[in-house]
Amino acid sequence: MRARFEGMLDVIENAAGDVEKAAEAERRVIEELRQMGHEALHGWARRQQQKKEEQFNSKSGVNRKEKKPLLAHAVWENPGRGADLYSRTSRTGNSAVF
């Protein structure tokens, strides 16, 4: 942050001597402010994400690392049973899927 402010002061003081018009100095200062705001918000977002992850991970019964098995896996393992996609009554004529 200090470097950003020093950069803005350099522009304001025209330390490099390359800014001849106020519009150019204004553009450079605005760009520095935008960059500073972007970095600040990016840091804030990272901290918020970390807090949310810590809250979520502290809950009991939560396992984010494990992938849920696909329904198709049950069909592949038991091809003759249809993996119980249909109820017992549906096999006799009613084709409602659960």
N, C-alpha and C. Protein backbone atom coordinates (compact mmCIF):
# COMPACT_ATOMS: atom_id res chain seq x y z
N MET A 1 0.82 -1.18 0.00
CA MET A 1 0.00 0.00 0.00
C MET A 1 0.88 1.26 0.00
N ARG A 2 1.93 1.15 0.76
CA ARG A 2 2.84 2.30 0.83
C ARG A 2 3.42 2.61 -0.55
N ALA A 3 3.78 1.58 -1.29
CA ALA A 3 4.35 1.77 -2.63
C ALA A 3 3.32 2.43 -3.55
N ARG A 4 2.05 2.04 -3.40
CA ARG A 4 0.99 2.65 -4.23
C ARG A 4 0.89 4.15 -3.94
N PHE A 5 0.89 4.50 -2.64
CA PHE A 5 0.80 5.92 -2.28
C PHE A 5 2.02 6.69 -2.76
N GLU A 6 3.18 6.08 -2.65
CA GLU A 6 4.38 6.74 -3.14
C GLU A 6 4.32 6.93 -4.65
N GLY A 7 3.75 5.95 -5.35
CA GLY A 7 3.57 6.09 -6.80
C GLY A 7 2.65 7.25 -7.14
N MET A 8 1.56 7.39 -6.37
CA MET A 8 0.64 8.50 -6.60
C MET A 8 1.32 9.84 -6.30
N LEU A 9 2.11 9.87 -5.23
CA LEU A 9 2.83 11.11 -4.90
C LEU A 9 3.83 11.47 -6.00
N ASP A 10 4.48 10.46 -6.56
CA ASP A 10 5.42 10.72 -7.66
C ASP A 10 4.69 11.35 -8.85
N VAL A 11 3.49 10.85 -9.13
CA VAL A 11 2.71 11.41 -10.24
C VAL A 11 2.32 12.85 -9.91
N ILE A 12 1.85 13.05 -8.68
CA ILE A 12 1.42 14.40 -8.28
C ILE A 12 2.58 15.38 -8.32
N GLU A 13 3.75 14.94 -7.86
CA GLU A 13 4.92 15.82 -7.85
C GLU A 13 5.61 15.86 -9.21
N ASN A 14 5.17 15.00 -10.14
CA ASN A 14 5.77 14.89 -11.47
C ASN A 14 7.27 14.61 -11.34
N ALA A 15 7.58 13.63 -10.51
CA ALA A 15 8.97 13.28 -10.21
C ALA A 15 9.75 12.88 -11.47
N ALA A 16 9.10 12.16 -12.37
CA ALA A 16 9.79 11.71 -13.58
C ALA A 16 9.82 12.80 -14.65
N GLY A 17 9.00 13.81 -14.48
CA GLY A 17 8.96 14.90 -15.45
C GLY A 17 8.26 14.54 -16.75
N ASP A 18 7.53 13.45 -16.78
CA ASP A 18 6.87 13.02 -18.02
C ASP A 18 5.39 13.36 -18.08
N VAL A 19 4.84 13.97 -17.02
CA VAL A 19 3.44 14.35 -17.03
C VAL A 19 3.36 15.85 -17.26
N GLU A 20 2.79 16.21 -18.41
CA GLU A 20 2.70 17.63 -18.75
C GLU A 20 1.30 18.18 -18.61
N LYS A 21 0.29 17.30 -18.61
CA LYS A 21 -1.09 17.77 -18.54
C LYS A 21 -1.78 17.18 -17.32
N ALA A 22 -2.71 17.95 -16.78
CA ALA A 22 -3.45 17.51 -15.59
C ALA A 22 -4.27 16.25 -15.88
N ALA A 23 -4.78 16.14 -17.10
CA ALA A 23 -5.59 14.98 -17.46
C ALA A 23 -4.77 13.69 -17.37
N GLU A 24 -3.52 13.74 -17.78
CA GLU A 24 -2.64 12.56 -17.70
C GLU A 24 -2.33 12.22 -16.25
N ALA A 25 -2.06 13.24 -15.43
CA ALA A 25 -1.80 13.01 -14.01
C ALA A 25 -3.04 12.40 -13.35
N GLU A 26 -4.20 12.93 -13.70
CA GLU A 26 -5.46 12.41 -13.14
C GLU A 26 -5.65 10.95 -13.55
N ARG A 27 -5.40 10.63 -14.80
CA ARG A 27 -5.56 9.26 -15.28
C ARG A 27 -4.65 8.30 -14.52
N ARG A 28 -3.42 8.71 -14.30
CA ARG A 28 -2.46 7.85 -13.59
C ARG A 28 -2.85 7.65 -12.13
N VAL A 29 -3.29 8.74 -11.48
CA VAL A 29 -3.71 8.62 -10.08
C VAL A 29 -4.94 7.74 -9.97
N ILE A 30 -5.88 7.89 -10.87
CA ILE A 30 -7.09 7.05 -10.86
C ILE A 30 -6.72 5.59 -11.07
N GLU A 31 -5.80 5.31 -11.96
CA GLU A 31 -5.36 3.94 -12.21
C GLU A 31 -4.70 3.35 -10.95
N GLU A 32 -3.89 4.14 -10.27
CA GLU A 32 -3.27 3.68 -9.02
C GLU A 32 -4.34 3.38 -7.98
N LEU A 33 -5.35 4.24 -7.87
CA LEU A 33 -6.43 4.02 -6.92
C LEU A 33 -7.23 2.76 -7.26
N ARG A 34 -7.47 2.55 -8.54
CA ARG A 34 -8.18 1.33 -8.97
C ARG A 34 -7.39 0.08 -8.60
N GLN A 35 -6.11 0.11 -8.86
CA GLN A 35 -5.27 -1.04 -8.52
C GLN A 35 -5.27 -1.30 -7.01
N MET A 36 -5.20 -0.22 -6.23
CA MET A 36 -5.22 -0.36 -4.78
C MET A 36 -6.55 -0.95 -4.32
N GLY A 37 -7.64 -0.47 -4.89
CA GLY A 37 -8.97 -0.99 -4.55
C GLY A 37 -9.11 -2.45 -4.94
N HIS A 38 -8.60 -2.79 -6.11
CA HIS A 38 -8.66 -4.18 -6.57
C HIS A 38 -7.91 -5.10 -5.62
N GLU A 39 -6.71 -4.70 -5.23
CA GLU A 39 -5.92 -5.52 -4.31
C GLU A 39 -6.60 -5.65 -2.96
N ALA A 40 -7.18 -4.56 -2.47
CA ALA A 40 -7.86 -4.59 -1.17
C ALA A 40 -9.05 -5.53 -1.21
N LEU A 41 -9.87 -5.42 -2.25
CA LEU A 41 -11.05 -6.28 -2.36
C LEU A 41 -10.68 -7.74 -2.60
N HIS A 42 -9.61 -7.97 -3.32
CA HIS A 42 -9.14 -9.34 -3.55
C HIS A 42 -8.71 -9.97 -2.22
N GLY A 43 -7.99 -9.22 -1.42
CA GLY A 43 -7.59 -9.70 -0.10
C GLY A 43 -8.78 -9.96 0.80
N TRP A 44 -9.75 -9.05 0.76
CA TRP A 44 -10.98 -9.23 1.54
C TRP A 44 -11.69 -10.50 1.12
N ALA A 45 -11.82 -10.73 -0.18
CA ALA A 45 -12.53 -11.91 -0.68
C ALA A 45 -11.81 -13.20 -0.25
N ARG A 46 -10.49 -13.20 -0.29
CA ARG A 46 -9.74 -14.38 0.16
C ARG A 46 -9.99 -14.67 1.63
N ARG A 47 -10.00 -13.61 2.46
CA ARG A 47 -10.25 -13.81 3.88
C ARG A 47 -11.67 -14.31 4.13
N GLN A 48 -12.64 -13.77 3.39
CA GLN A 48 -14.02 -14.23 3.55
C GLN A 48 -14.16 -15.69 3.15
N GLN A 49 -13.54 -16.07 2.06
CA GLN A 49 -13.59 -17.46 1.61
C GLN A 49 -12.97 -18.38 2.66
N GLN A 50 -11.85 -17.96 3.22
CA GLN A 50 -11.17 -18.77 4.23
C GLN A 50 -12.06 -18.92 5.47
N LYS A 51 -12.72 -17.84 5.89
CA LYS A 51 -13.63 -17.92 7.04
C LYS A 51 -14.77 -18.89 6.78
N LYS A 52 -15.36 -18.79 5.59
CA LYS A 52 -16.47 -19.68 5.24
C LYS A 52 -16.02 -21.13 5.21
N GLU A 53 -14.84 -21.39 4.66
CA GLU A 53 -14.33 -22.76 4.62
C GLU A 53 -14.10 -23.29 6.03
N GLU A 54 -13.56 -22.45 6.90
CA GLU A 54 -13.33 -22.88 8.28
C GLU A 54 -14.64 -23.16 8.99
N GLN A 55 -15.66 -22.32 8.77
CA GLN A 55 -16.97 -22.55 9.37
C GLN A 55 -17.58 -23.85 8.85
N PHE A 56 -17.49 -24.06 7.57
CA PHE A 56 -18.06 -25.25 6.95
C PHE A 56 -17.34 -26.50 7.42
N ASN A 57 -16.02 -26.45 7.48
CA ASN A 57 -15.24 -27.61 7.89
C ASN A 57 -15.41 -27.93 9.38
N SER A 58 -15.78 -26.94 10.18
CA SER A 58 -15.95 -27.18 11.61
C SER A 58 -17.27 -27.88 11.93
N LYS A 59 -18.20 -27.92 10.99
CA LYS A 59 -19.48 -28.60 11.20
C LYS A 59 -19.25 -30.11 11.19
N SER A 60 -19.92 -30.79 12.12
CA SER A 60 -19.78 -32.24 12.16
C SER A 60 -20.58 -32.88 11.04
N GLY A 61 -20.10 -33.98 10.54
CA GLY A 61 -20.80 -34.70 9.49
C GLY A 61 -20.59 -34.16 8.10
N VAL A 62 -19.68 -33.23 7.95
CA VAL A 62 -19.43 -32.64 6.64
C VAL A 62 -18.11 -33.19 6.11
N ASN A 63 -18.17 -33.72 4.90
CA ASN A 63 -16.97 -34.25 4.26
C ASN A 63 -16.94 -33.72 2.83
N ARG A 64 -16.16 -32.71 2.59
CA ARG A 64 -16.10 -32.10 1.25
C ARG A 64 -15.16 -32.83 0.32
N LYS A 65 -14.32 -33.67 0.85
CA LYS A 65 -13.28 -34.30 0.04
C LYS A 65 -13.78 -35.50 -0.76
N GLU A 66 -14.89 -36.09 -0.34
CA GLU A 66 -15.37 -37.31 -0.96
C GLU A 66 -16.38 -36.99 -2.06
N LYS A 67 -16.22 -37.63 -3.18
CA LYS A 67 -17.10 -37.43 -4.31
C LYS A 67 -18.27 -38.41 -4.21
N LYS A 68 -19.47 -37.93 -4.47
CA LYS A 68 -20.63 -38.81 -4.42
C LYS A 68 -20.59 -39.76 -5.62
N PRO A 69 -21.00 -41.01 -5.41
CA PRO A 69 -21.02 -41.94 -6.53
C PRO A 69 -22.18 -41.60 -7.47
N LEU A 70 -21.96 -41.84 -8.73
CA LEU A 70 -23.00 -41.60 -9.71
C LEU A 70 -24.05 -42.70 -9.64
N LEU A 71 -25.27 -42.38 -10.00
CA LEU A 71 -26.34 -43.37 -10.03
C LEU A 71 -25.99 -44.48 -11.01
N ALA A 72 -25.28 -44.14 -12.05
CA ALA A 72 -24.91 -45.14 -13.06
C ALA A 72 -24.02 -46.22 -12.47
N HIS A 73 -23.24 -45.89 -11.44
CA HIS A 73 -22.38 -46.90 -10.83
C HIS A 73 -23.21 -48.02 -10.24
N ALA A 74 -24.34 -47.70 -9.63
CA ALA A 74 -25.20 -48.73 -9.06
C ALA A 74 -25.76 -49.62 -10.16
N VAL A 75 -26.08 -49.05 -11.32
CA VAL A 75 -26.60 -49.83 -12.44
C VAL A 75 -25.51 -50.75 -12.98
N TRP A 76 -24.29 -50.24 -13.09
CA TRP A 76 -23.19 -51.06 -13.62
C TRP A 76 -22.87 -52.23 -12.69
N GLU A 77 -22.96 -51.98 -11.37
CA GLU A 77 -22.64 -53.04 -10.42
C GLU A 77 -23.72 -54.11 -10.38
N ASN A 78 -24.96 -53.74 -10.59
CA ASN A 78 -26.09 -54.68 -10.53
C ASN A 78 -26.93 -54.56 -11.80
N PRO A 79 -26.43 -54.97 -12.95
CA PRO A 79 -27.15 -54.74 -14.20
C PRO A 79 -28.49 -55.47 -14.27
N GLY A 80 -28.64 -56.58 -13.58
CA GLY A 80 -29.88 -57.33 -13.64
C GLY A 80 -30.98 -56.74 -12.81
N ARG A 81 -30.62 -55.99 -11.79
CA ARG A 81 -31.62 -55.46 -10.87
C ARG A 81 -32.14 -54.09 -11.30
N GLY A 82 -31.47 -53.42 -12.20
CA GLY A 82 -31.91 -52.08 -12.61
C GLY A 82 -31.60 -51.05 -11.53
N ALA A 83 -30.82 -51.45 -10.56
CA ALA A 83 -30.38 -50.58 -9.46
C ALA A 83 -31.54 -49.95 -8.72
N ASP A 84 -32.67 -50.63 -8.69
CA ASP A 84 -33.86 -50.17 -7.97
C ASP A 84 -34.29 -48.78 -8.40
N LEU A 85 -34.20 -48.49 -9.68
CA LEU A 85 -34.68 -47.21 -10.19
C LEU A 85 -36.20 -47.16 -10.20
N TYR A 86 -36.83 -48.29 -10.30
CA TYR A 86 -38.28 -48.37 -10.34
C TYR A 86 -38.75 -49.11 -9.09
N SER A 87 -39.90 -48.73 -8.61
CA SER A 87 -40.45 -49.45 -7.46
C SER A 87 -40.94 -50.81 -7.90
N ARG A 88 -41.27 -51.67 -6.96
CA ARG A 88 -41.76 -53.01 -7.28
C ARG A 88 -43.03 -52.94 -8.12
N THR A 89 -43.93 -51.98 -7.80
CA THR A 89 -45.19 -51.88 -8.54
C THR A 89 -44.95 -51.35 -9.95
N SER A 90 -43.89 -50.56 -10.14
CA SER A 90 -43.66 -50.00 -11.46
C SER A 90 -43.23 -51.07 -12.46
N ARG A 91 -42.63 -52.14 -11.98
CA ARG A 91 -42.22 -53.21 -12.89
C ARG A 91 -43.42 -54.00 -13.39
N THR A 92 -44.53 -53.86 -12.71
CA THR A 92 -45.73 -54.59 -13.13
C THR A 92 -46.65 -53.73 -13.98
N GLY A 93 -46.21 -52.57 -14.40
CA GLY A 93 -47.05 -51.80 -15.29
C GLY A 93 -46.95 -50.30 -15.09
N ASN A 94 -46.78 -49.83 -13.88
CA ASN A 94 -46.67 -48.40 -13.62
C ASN A 94 -45.21 -48.00 -13.83
N SER A 95 -44.94 -47.05 -14.73
CA SER A 95 -43.57 -46.71 -15.08
C SER A 95 -43.07 -45.44 -14.39
N ALA A 96 -43.57 -45.13 -13.21
CA ALA A 96 -43.12 -43.96 -12.50
C ALA A 96 -41.71 -44.16 -11.97
N VAL A 97 -40.86 -43.18 -12.18
CA VAL A 97 -39.47 -43.25 -11.73
C VAL A 97 -39.36 -42.52 -10.41
N PHE A 98 -38.64 -43.10 -9.47
CA PHE A 98 -38.42 -42.45 -8.18
C PHE A 98 -37.13 -41.70 -8.19
